[in-house]
Structures are given as C-alpha cells and as structure tokens.
N, C-alpha and C. Protein backbone atom coordinates (compact mmCIF):
# COMPACT_ATOMS: atom_id res chain seq x y z
N MET A 1 119.03 146.52 70.74
CA MET A 1 118.28 145.47 70.08
C MET A 1 116.81 145.67 70.39
N ILE A 2 115.98 145.56 69.37
CA ILE A 2 114.55 145.81 69.58
C ILE A 2 113.74 144.54 69.76
N THR A 3 114.38 143.38 69.65
CA THR A 3 113.69 142.12 69.90
C THR A 3 114.42 141.34 70.98
N ARG A 4 113.68 140.46 71.60
CA ARG A 4 114.29 139.60 72.60
C ARG A 4 115.21 138.62 71.87
N PRO A 5 116.36 138.32 72.44
CA PRO A 5 117.28 137.38 71.78
C PRO A 5 116.60 136.03 71.52
N ARG A 6 116.91 135.47 70.36
CA ARG A 6 116.36 134.16 70.03
C ARG A 6 117.03 133.09 70.87
N LEU A 7 116.36 131.96 70.96
CA LEU A 7 116.93 130.83 71.68
C LEU A 7 118.17 130.35 70.94
N GLN A 8 119.20 130.00 71.67
CA GLN A 8 120.45 129.57 71.07
C GLN A 8 120.30 128.20 70.44
N ALA A 9 121.00 128.00 69.33
CA ALA A 9 120.97 126.72 68.64
C ALA A 9 121.72 125.67 69.45
N CYS A 10 121.21 124.47 69.42
CA CYS A 10 121.83 123.35 70.11
C CYS A 10 121.93 122.19 69.12
N ASP A 11 123.13 121.73 68.82
CA ASP A 11 123.36 120.68 67.83
C ASP A 11 122.81 121.04 66.46
N GLY A 12 122.87 122.32 66.10
CA GLY A 12 122.42 122.77 64.79
C GLY A 12 120.94 123.07 64.68
N TYR A 13 120.21 122.97 65.78
CA TYR A 13 118.77 123.23 65.76
C TYR A 13 118.42 124.24 66.84
N ARG A 14 117.35 124.99 66.59
CA ARG A 14 116.81 125.87 67.62
C ARG A 14 115.64 125.16 68.28
N PRO A 15 115.55 125.24 69.60
CA PRO A 15 114.40 124.60 70.26
C PRO A 15 113.10 125.32 69.92
N LEU A 16 112.01 124.58 69.96
CA LEU A 16 110.70 125.18 69.68
C LEU A 16 110.37 126.19 70.77
N PRO A 17 109.83 127.37 70.38
CA PRO A 17 109.46 128.35 71.40
C PRO A 17 108.27 127.84 72.21
N THR A 18 108.25 128.18 73.47
CA THR A 18 107.14 127.77 74.34
C THR A 18 106.14 128.90 74.54
N ASP A 19 106.50 130.12 74.15
CA ASP A 19 105.59 131.25 74.27
C ASP A 19 104.60 131.24 73.12
N PRO A 20 103.42 131.84 73.29
CA PRO A 20 102.48 131.94 72.18
C PRO A 20 103.02 132.84 71.07
N GLY A 21 102.56 132.63 69.87
CA GLY A 21 102.94 133.47 68.74
C GLY A 21 104.11 132.89 67.97
N LEU A 22 104.81 133.75 67.24
CA LEU A 22 105.90 133.32 66.38
C LEU A 22 107.25 133.28 67.07
N GLY A 23 107.27 133.60 68.36
CA GLY A 23 108.53 133.57 69.09
C GLY A 23 109.30 134.87 68.99
N ILE A 24 108.65 135.94 68.56
CA ILE A 24 109.29 137.24 68.44
C ILE A 24 108.65 138.18 69.45
N THR A 25 109.45 138.78 70.30
CA THR A 25 108.96 139.76 71.27
C THR A 25 109.67 141.07 71.01
N ILE A 26 108.91 142.12 70.73
CA ILE A 26 109.47 143.42 70.41
C ILE A 26 109.57 144.26 71.67
N ASP A 27 110.72 144.86 71.90
CA ASP A 27 110.92 145.80 73.00
C ASP A 27 110.43 147.16 72.50
N GLU A 28 109.19 147.51 72.85
CA GLU A 28 108.57 148.71 72.31
C GLU A 28 109.28 149.99 72.74
N ASP A 29 109.87 150.02 73.93
CA ASP A 29 110.60 151.20 74.38
C ASP A 29 111.84 151.42 73.52
N ALA A 30 112.57 150.34 73.21
CA ALA A 30 113.76 150.47 72.35
C ALA A 30 113.36 150.87 70.93
N LEU A 31 112.25 150.35 70.46
CA LEU A 31 111.77 150.71 69.12
C LEU A 31 111.40 152.19 69.05
N MET A 32 110.67 152.68 70.05
CA MET A 32 110.28 154.09 70.06
C MET A 32 111.50 155.01 70.18
N ALA A 33 112.56 154.56 70.87
CA ALA A 33 113.77 155.36 70.99
C ALA A 33 114.45 155.53 69.63
N GLN A 34 114.32 154.52 68.75
CA GLN A 34 114.93 154.59 67.43
C GLN A 34 114.04 155.31 66.42
N VAL A 35 112.74 155.11 66.51
CA VAL A 35 111.81 155.63 65.51
C VAL A 35 111.25 156.99 65.89
N GLY A 36 110.88 157.16 67.14
CA GLY A 36 110.25 158.40 67.58
C GLY A 36 108.74 158.29 67.53
N GLU A 37 108.09 159.39 67.78
CA GLU A 37 106.64 159.40 67.80
C GLU A 37 106.08 159.29 66.38
N PRO A 38 104.96 158.57 66.22
CA PRO A 38 104.36 158.47 64.90
C PRO A 38 103.86 159.83 64.41
N ARG A 39 103.90 160.04 63.12
CA ARG A 39 103.38 161.28 62.54
C ARG A 39 102.68 160.93 61.24
N PRO A 40 101.69 161.71 60.86
CA PRO A 40 100.95 161.39 59.64
C PRO A 40 101.83 161.54 58.40
N CYS A 41 101.58 160.70 57.44
CA CYS A 41 102.28 160.76 56.16
C CYS A 41 101.31 161.39 55.16
N LEU A 42 101.49 162.66 54.91
CA LEU A 42 100.57 163.38 54.04
C LEU A 42 101.05 163.35 52.60
N PRO A 43 100.14 163.16 51.66
CA PRO A 43 100.54 163.14 50.25
C PRO A 43 100.95 164.55 49.79
N ARG A 44 101.86 164.60 48.82
CA ARG A 44 102.24 165.87 48.22
C ARG A 44 101.71 165.88 46.79
N PHE A 45 101.30 167.05 46.35
CA PHE A 45 100.69 167.17 45.04
C PHE A 45 101.49 168.13 44.17
N ASP A 46 101.49 167.87 42.87
CA ASP A 46 102.15 168.73 41.90
C ASP A 46 101.39 170.05 41.82
N GLU A 47 102.12 171.16 41.81
CA GLU A 47 101.48 172.47 41.78
C GLU A 47 100.77 172.75 40.47
N ASP A 48 101.28 172.18 39.38
CA ASP A 48 100.71 172.47 38.05
C ASP A 48 99.39 171.74 37.81
N ASP A 49 99.39 170.42 38.00
CA ASP A 49 98.19 169.67 37.63
C ASP A 49 97.51 168.97 38.81
N GLY A 50 98.09 169.05 40.01
CA GLY A 50 97.46 168.47 41.19
C GLY A 50 97.66 166.97 41.32
N SER A 51 98.50 166.36 40.49
CA SER A 51 98.74 164.92 40.59
C SER A 51 99.61 164.62 41.80
N VAL A 52 99.47 163.40 42.32
CA VAL A 52 100.26 162.98 43.47
C VAL A 52 101.70 162.75 43.04
N ILE A 53 102.66 163.37 43.75
CA ILE A 53 104.07 163.21 43.39
C ILE A 53 104.83 162.38 44.42
N ASP A 54 104.34 162.26 45.63
CA ASP A 54 105.01 161.46 46.64
C ASP A 54 103.99 161.07 47.68
N TRP A 55 103.81 159.79 47.88
CA TRP A 55 102.83 159.35 48.86
C TRP A 55 103.53 158.85 50.06
C-alpha cells in the first residue's frame, strides 16, 4: 500500500483528520518500489514529415 490507511468509519462516518492537508500520506519508499526511478519522456517524431507521433 502506498498510502497510510484511512481512519476507520464509526457509525457510518469517518472522523475528521487532525493532520494538516487532505489526510493523505504517501509512503514514498513503497511508491518508488512500484514505479522505479524517474526518466525523461522524450517525444517521438515521424520519419517522413517530422510530426509528433507519441508524446
């Protein structure tokens, strides 16, 4: 799981988060294990006319 578990519902409601932000905490180590290192996304061009074929 790449996020901290949400607060459990009580009587059909979730309690208000007490932490700053939207209440979502990302486990960056778990995310990097799934995604890997960032790499540039280079555009590819058509050989005939030089138009972009995949961005």
